Amino acid sequence: MNQKQEDFSPSVKASLKSLNISFHKTRKVVNQIRGCSYEKALMILEFMPYRACKPITQLISSAASNANHNLGLKKKNLFISEAKVDEGTTIKRFQPRAQGRAYSIHKPTCHITIGMKSKNKIQ
């Protein structure tokens, strides 16, 4: 019987809900760091000129700290195994216009999930 060997390395997830940035703009940033090591991802995010970089940096740091504190994994051995951005709820606002009219303004939000694993397999 041929069975696939599953990867039993421990993983850690961190998520951020209802971030007031469009999921299109956030996904552009997250696609650049997917699969990178922890240190390389922080370096990439530091030099990118997008507004979404700061909350993503904080989220990656939080996931790495969770891995260090809860599972005892070293931060230098971590890499981003999962990074996804989903569309959140749209906040609706109205802007007053001439002659009593109102135009609707839609402010999109997004949900970000970051998953990290250790490069070294635990046996």
Protein backbone atom coordinates (compact mmCIF):
# COMPACT_ATOMS: atom_id res chain seq x y z
CA MET A 1 0.00 0.00 0.00
CA ASN A 2 1.25 3.41 -0.92
CA GLN A 3 0.29 5.95 1.66
CA LYS A 4 1.26 9.57 1.64
CA GLN A 5 3.41 10.64 4.52
CA GLU A 6 1.73 13.52 6.22
CA ASP A 7 3.59 16.51 7.52
CA PHE A 8 3.26 16.43 11.30
CA SER A 9 5.24 19.57 11.99
CA PRO A 10 3.35 21.84 14.39
CA SER A 11 1.62 24.85 12.93
CA VAL A 12 0.37 28.12 14.36
CA LYS A 13 -2.30 30.43 13.01
CA ALA A 14 -3.11 34.05 13.68
CA SER A 15 -6.00 35.98 12.19
CA LEU A 16 -7.09 39.58 11.90
CA LYS A 17 -10.75 40.37 11.31
CA SER A 18 -12.42 43.45 9.83
CA LEU A 19 -9.34 45.37 8.76
CA ASN A 20 -10.44 48.63 7.11
CA ILE A 21 -8.48 48.07 3.90
CA SER A 22 -9.76 46.60 0.65
CA PHE A 23 -9.07 42.90 0.22
CA HIS A 24 -7.70 43.55 -3.29
CA LYS A 25 -5.01 45.85 -1.93
CA THR A 26 -4.22 43.56 1.00
CA ARG A 27 -4.03 40.45 -1.17
CA LYS A 28 -1.39 42.18 -3.33
CA VAL A 29 0.88 42.41 -0.28
CA VAL A 30 0.15 38.94 1.11
CA ASN A 31 0.96 37.27 -2.22
CA GLN A 32 4.52 38.62 -1.96
CA ILE A 33 5.25 36.95 1.40
CA ARG A 34 3.51 33.59 1.02
CA GLY A 35 6.07 30.80 1.47
CA CYS A 36 8.82 33.10 2.79
CA SER A 37 10.71 32.62 6.02
CA TYR A 38 9.77 34.74 9.03
CA GLU A 39 12.80 37.03 8.78
CA LYS A 40 12.55 37.45 5.00
CA ALA A 41 8.83 38.29 5.22
CA LEU A 42 9.49 41.02 7.79
CA MET A 43 12.24 42.46 5.61
CA ILE A 44 10.01 42.46 2.51
CA LEU A 45 7.15 44.13 4.37
CA GLU A 46 9.41 46.79 5.87
CA PHE A 47 10.32 48.16 2.45
CA MET A 48 6.96 47.89 0.69
CA PRO A 49 5.11 51.22 0.30
CA TYR A 50 1.59 49.94 1.05
CA ARG A 51 -0.69 50.79 3.96
CA ALA A 52 -1.55 47.11 4.51
CA CYS A 53 2.07 46.26 5.41
CA LYS A 54 1.92 47.43 9.03
CA PRO A 55 -1.04 45.28 10.18
CA ILE A 56 0.34 42.27 8.28
CA THR A 57 3.74 42.75 9.96
CA GLN A 58 2.05 42.86 13.36
CA LEU A 59 0.06 39.72 12.52
CA ILE A 60 3.18 37.79 11.45
CA SER A 61 4.99 38.89 14.62
CA SER A 62 2.01 37.75 16.69
CA ALA A 63 1.94 34.33 15.01
CA ALA A 64 5.69 33.90 15.55
CA SER A 65 5.38 34.89 19.21
CA ASN A 66 2.53 32.40 19.63
CA ALA A 67 4.69 29.66 18.12
CA ASN A 68 7.57 30.57 20.41
CA HIS A 69 5.49 30.81 23.58
CA ASN A 70 2.97 27.98 23.06
CA LEU A 71 5.01 25.40 21.15
CA GLY A 72 8.60 26.39 21.94
CA LEU A 73 9.55 26.88 18.29
CA LYS A 74 12.37 29.22 17.35
CA LYS A 75 11.41 32.23 15.26
CA LYS A 76 14.32 31.80 12.85
CA ASN A 77 13.03 28.33 11.84
CA LEU A 78 9.50 29.49 10.99
CA PHE A 79 8.11 30.06 7.52
CA ILE A 80 4.71 31.23 6.29
CA SER A 81 2.87 28.09 5.20
CA GLU A 82 -0.55 29.67 4.76
CA ALA A 83 -1.50 33.25 4.01
CA LYS A 84 -4.96 34.17 2.85
CA VAL A 85 -7.08 37.28 2.58
CA ASP A 86 -10.86 37.07 2.49
CA GLU A 87 -13.44 39.73 1.83
CA GLY A 88 -15.06 41.10 4.97
CA THR A 89 -18.25 43.05 5.45
CA THR A 90 -18.71 46.32 3.61
CA ILE A 91 -19.32 49.35 5.80
CA LYS A 92 -21.94 51.60 4.23
CA ARG A 93 -21.85 55.36 4.72
CA PHE A 94 -23.71 58.26 3.11
CA GLN A 95 -22.30 61.52 1.84
CA PRO A 96 -24.71 64.46 1.66
CA ARG A 97 -25.07 66.00 -1.77
CA ALA A 98 -26.94 68.91 -3.28
CA GLN A 99 -30.73 69.27 -3.09
CA GLY A 100 -31.16 66.80 -0.23
CA ARG A 101 -29.67 63.84 -2.02
CA ALA A 102 -27.22 61.38 -0.52
CA TYR A 103 -24.61 59.26 -2.26
CA SER A 104 -23.70 55.95 -0.70
CA ILE A 105 -20.06 55.23 0.11
CA HIS A 106 -18.95 51.62 0.49
CA LYS A 107 -15.90 51.01 2.68
CA PRO A 108 -14.60 47.46 2.19
CA THR A 109 -12.99 45.40 4.95
CA CYS A 110 -10.98 42.18 4.88
CA HIS A 111 -10.02 39.22 7.04
CA ILE A 112 -6.38 38.03 7.06
CA THR A 113 -5.21 34.58 8.20
CA ILE A 114 -1.51 33.73 8.55
CA GLY A 115 -0.32 30.17 9.22
CA MET A 116 3.28 29.39 10.15
CA LYS A 117 5.18 26.11 10.40
CA SER A 118 8.65 25.13 11.47
CA LYS A 119 11.21 24.16 8.81
CA ASN A 120 12.62 21.43 11.04
CA LYS A 121 10.37 18.39 11.36
CA ILE A 122 9.79 17.02 14.83
CA GLN A 123 10.05 13.24 15.02
